[in-house]
N, C-alpha and C. Protein backbone atom coordinates (compact mmCIF):
# COMPACT_ATOMS: atom_id res chain seq x y z
N MET A 1 132.71 99.06 109.00
CA MET A 1 133.42 99.02 107.74
C MET A 1 133.21 100.36 107.03
N GLU A 2 134.28 100.92 106.54
CA GLU A 2 134.19 102.19 105.82
C GLU A 2 133.70 101.95 104.39
N ILE A 3 133.19 103.00 103.78
CA ILE A 3 132.60 102.88 102.44
C ILE A 3 133.61 102.38 101.42
N ARG A 4 134.86 102.85 101.51
CA ARG A 4 135.89 102.41 100.57
C ARG A 4 136.11 100.91 100.67
N GLU A 5 136.20 100.40 101.88
CA GLU A 5 136.40 98.96 102.08
C GLU A 5 135.23 98.17 101.51
N TYR A 6 134.04 98.67 101.74
CA TYR A 6 132.85 97.98 101.26
C TYR A 6 132.80 97.98 99.73
N ILE A 7 133.09 99.12 99.13
CA ILE A 7 133.07 99.20 97.67
C ILE A 7 134.16 98.32 97.08
N ARG A 8 135.35 98.29 97.69
CA ARG A 8 136.42 97.41 97.23
C ARG A 8 135.99 95.95 97.28
N LEU A 9 135.35 95.56 98.38
CA LEU A 9 134.87 94.19 98.51
C LEU A 9 133.88 93.86 97.39
N CYS A 10 132.98 94.78 97.11
CA CYS A 10 132.01 94.57 96.03
C CYS A 10 132.72 94.47 94.68
N CYS A 11 133.74 95.29 94.47
CA CYS A 11 134.50 95.24 93.21
C CYS A 11 135.19 93.90 93.04
N VAL A 12 135.73 93.37 94.12
CA VAL A 12 136.38 92.05 94.06
C VAL A 12 135.35 90.99 93.71
N LYS A 13 134.20 91.06 94.35
CA LYS A 13 133.15 90.07 94.08
C LYS A 13 132.58 90.20 92.68
N ARG A 14 132.77 91.35 92.05
CA ARG A 14 132.27 91.57 90.69
C ARG A 14 133.38 91.40 89.66
N GLY A 15 134.33 90.53 89.93
CA GLY A 15 135.34 90.22 88.93
C GLY A 15 136.62 91.02 89.08
N ASN A 16 136.89 91.50 90.28
CA ASN A 16 138.11 92.23 90.57
C ASN A 16 138.23 93.54 89.79
N MET A 17 137.14 94.28 89.70
CA MET A 17 137.13 95.58 89.05
C MET A 17 138.05 96.54 89.81
N THR A 18 138.89 97.26 89.08
CA THR A 18 139.78 98.23 89.73
C THR A 18 139.01 99.50 90.09
N GLU A 19 139.60 100.27 90.99
CA GLU A 19 138.98 101.55 91.35
C GLU A 19 138.98 102.49 90.14
N ALA A 20 140.02 102.41 89.32
CA ALA A 20 140.07 103.25 88.12
C ALA A 20 138.93 102.90 87.17
N GLU A 21 138.66 101.61 86.99
CA GLU A 21 137.55 101.19 86.13
C GLU A 21 136.22 101.61 86.73
N LEU A 22 136.08 101.48 88.03
CA LEU A 22 134.85 101.92 88.70
C LEU A 22 134.64 103.41 88.50
N ALA A 23 135.70 104.18 88.61
CA ALA A 23 135.61 105.63 88.40
C ALA A 23 135.12 105.93 86.99
N ARG A 24 135.72 105.28 86.00
CA ARG A 24 135.31 105.50 84.61
C ARG A 24 133.84 105.12 84.40
N ARG A 25 133.43 104.02 84.98
CA ARG A 25 132.03 103.57 84.82
C ARG A 25 131.03 104.49 85.52
N THR A 26 131.51 105.26 86.48
CA THR A 26 130.62 106.19 87.18
C THR A 26 130.77 107.62 86.66
N GLY A 27 131.57 107.80 85.60
CA GLY A 27 131.67 109.10 84.96
C GLY A 27 132.56 110.10 85.69
N GLN A 28 133.56 109.61 86.39
CA GLN A 28 134.47 110.52 87.07
C GLN A 28 135.91 110.03 86.92
N THR A 29 136.83 110.86 87.32
CA THR A 29 138.23 110.47 87.25
C THR A 29 138.59 109.63 88.48
N PRO A 30 139.62 108.80 88.36
CA PRO A 30 140.08 108.05 89.54
C PRO A 30 140.46 108.98 90.70
N GLN A 31 141.04 110.13 90.37
CA GLN A 31 141.42 111.09 91.42
C GLN A 31 140.20 111.60 92.17
N ASN A 32 139.14 111.90 91.42
CA ASN A 32 137.91 112.39 92.06
C ASN A 32 137.30 111.32 92.96
N LEU A 33 137.27 110.09 92.49
CA LEU A 33 136.74 109.00 93.31
C LEU A 33 137.58 108.83 94.58
N ASN A 34 138.89 108.88 94.43
CA ASN A 34 139.78 108.76 95.58
C ASN A 34 139.54 109.88 96.59
N ASN A 35 139.32 111.09 96.10
CA ASN A 35 139.03 112.22 97.00
C ASN A 35 137.73 112.00 97.77
N LYS A 36 136.74 111.43 97.10
CA LYS A 36 135.46 111.14 97.78
C LYS A 36 135.66 110.11 98.88
N TYR A 37 136.50 109.11 98.61
CA TYR A 37 136.82 108.12 99.64
C TYR A 37 137.49 108.80 100.84
N LYS A 38 138.47 109.63 100.56
CA LYS A 38 139.23 110.28 101.64
C LYS A 38 138.35 111.17 102.51
N ARG A 39 137.47 111.93 101.85
CA ARG A 39 136.61 112.88 102.58
C ARG A 39 135.30 112.25 103.04
N ASN A 40 135.00 111.05 102.51
CA ASN A 40 133.74 110.38 102.80
C ASN A 40 132.56 111.29 102.46
N THR A 41 132.57 111.79 101.22
CA THR A 41 131.57 112.76 100.79
C THR A 41 130.72 112.25 99.62
N PHE A 42 130.28 111.02 99.71
CA PHE A 42 129.43 110.47 98.66
C PHE A 42 128.00 110.95 98.84
N LYS A 43 127.39 111.36 97.75
CA LYS A 43 125.95 111.66 97.74
C LYS A 43 125.23 110.35 97.40
N ILE A 44 123.98 110.28 97.76
CA ILE A 44 123.19 109.08 97.42
C ILE A 44 123.20 108.85 95.92
N SER A 45 123.09 109.92 95.14
CA SER A 45 123.08 109.77 93.68
C SER A 45 124.40 109.17 93.17
N GLU A 46 125.50 109.50 93.83
CA GLU A 46 126.80 108.93 93.44
C GLU A 46 126.89 107.46 93.82
N LEU A 47 126.36 107.12 94.97
CA LEU A 47 126.34 105.71 95.37
C LEU A 47 125.44 104.89 94.46
N GLU A 48 124.37 105.51 93.94
CA GLU A 48 123.52 104.82 92.97
C GLU A 48 124.29 104.52 91.69
N LYS A 49 125.15 105.45 91.27
CA LYS A 49 125.99 105.22 90.08
C LYS A 49 126.99 104.09 90.33
N VAL A 50 127.54 104.05 91.54
CA VAL A 50 128.45 102.96 91.91
C VAL A 50 127.69 101.64 91.85
N ALA A 51 126.51 101.61 92.42
CA ALA A 51 125.69 100.40 92.38
C ALA A 51 125.42 99.97 90.94
N ASP A 52 125.06 100.92 90.08
CA ASP A 52 124.81 100.60 88.68
C ASP A 52 126.06 100.01 88.02
N ALA A 53 127.22 100.61 88.31
CA ALA A 53 128.47 100.13 87.73
C ALA A 53 128.78 98.71 88.20
N LEU A 54 128.31 98.37 89.39
CA LEU A 54 128.52 97.03 89.94
C LEU A 54 127.36 96.08 89.63
N ASP A 55 126.41 96.55 88.82
CA ASP A 55 125.22 95.78 88.48
C ASP A 55 124.49 95.34 89.75
N ALA A 56 124.23 96.32 90.59
CA ALA A 56 123.59 96.06 91.88
C ALA A 56 122.57 97.14 92.18
N ASN A 57 121.78 96.92 93.21
CA ASN A 57 120.84 97.92 93.71
C ASN A 57 121.40 98.51 95.00
N LEU A 58 121.18 99.79 95.19
CA LEU A 58 121.56 100.46 96.43
C LEU A 58 120.38 100.41 97.39
N VAL A 59 120.63 99.96 98.62
CA VAL A 59 119.61 99.91 99.65
C VAL A 59 120.15 100.68 100.85
N VAL A 60 119.41 101.69 101.28
CA VAL A 60 119.81 102.49 102.44
C VAL A 60 118.84 102.19 103.57
N THR A 61 119.38 101.87 104.74
CA THR A 61 118.56 101.51 105.88
C THR A 61 119.03 102.25 107.11
N PHE A 62 118.11 102.78 107.87
CA PHE A 62 118.44 103.35 109.17
C PHE A 62 118.33 102.22 110.19
N VAL A 63 119.35 102.13 111.07
CA VAL A 63 119.41 101.06 112.05
C VAL A 63 119.45 101.68 113.45
N ASP A 64 118.62 101.17 114.35
CA ASP A 64 118.59 101.63 115.73
C ASP A 64 119.93 101.33 116.39
N LYS A 65 120.54 102.34 116.98
CA LYS A 65 121.85 102.18 117.59
C LYS A 65 121.83 101.24 118.80
N GLU A 66 120.75 101.23 119.52
CA GLU A 66 120.65 100.39 120.71
C GLU A 66 120.43 98.93 120.37
N THR A 67 119.46 98.68 119.51
CA THR A 67 119.07 97.30 119.24
C THR A 67 119.78 96.69 118.02
N GLY A 68 120.27 97.55 117.14
CA GLY A 68 120.86 97.04 115.91
C GLY A 68 119.84 96.62 114.89
N GLU A 69 118.58 96.86 115.17
CA GLU A 69 117.50 96.48 114.27
C GLU A 69 117.17 97.62 113.32
N PRO A 70 116.81 97.27 112.05
CA PRO A 70 116.39 98.30 111.11
C PRO A 70 115.14 99.03 111.61
N ILE A 71 115.08 100.31 111.36
CA ILE A 71 113.90 101.11 111.69
C ILE A 71 113.00 101.10 110.46
N ILE A 72 111.83 100.54 110.63
CA ILE A 72 110.92 100.42 109.48
C ILE A 72 109.78 101.41 109.63
């Protein structure tokens, strides 16, 4: 699943928040957010802002490609 799809799913689960509203809540323009989706150029700090806007925590995990298990 691509990041845009995942963020859209989270927005729907959080009351159908639009991408424009998410952009405003993260301090950027809708155009800038859309460009980040297209280029897939999110920084961790930007994803943390998205998480905050969605009233959520960001969790980043490395997963072993062979086993599919998280690397702890």
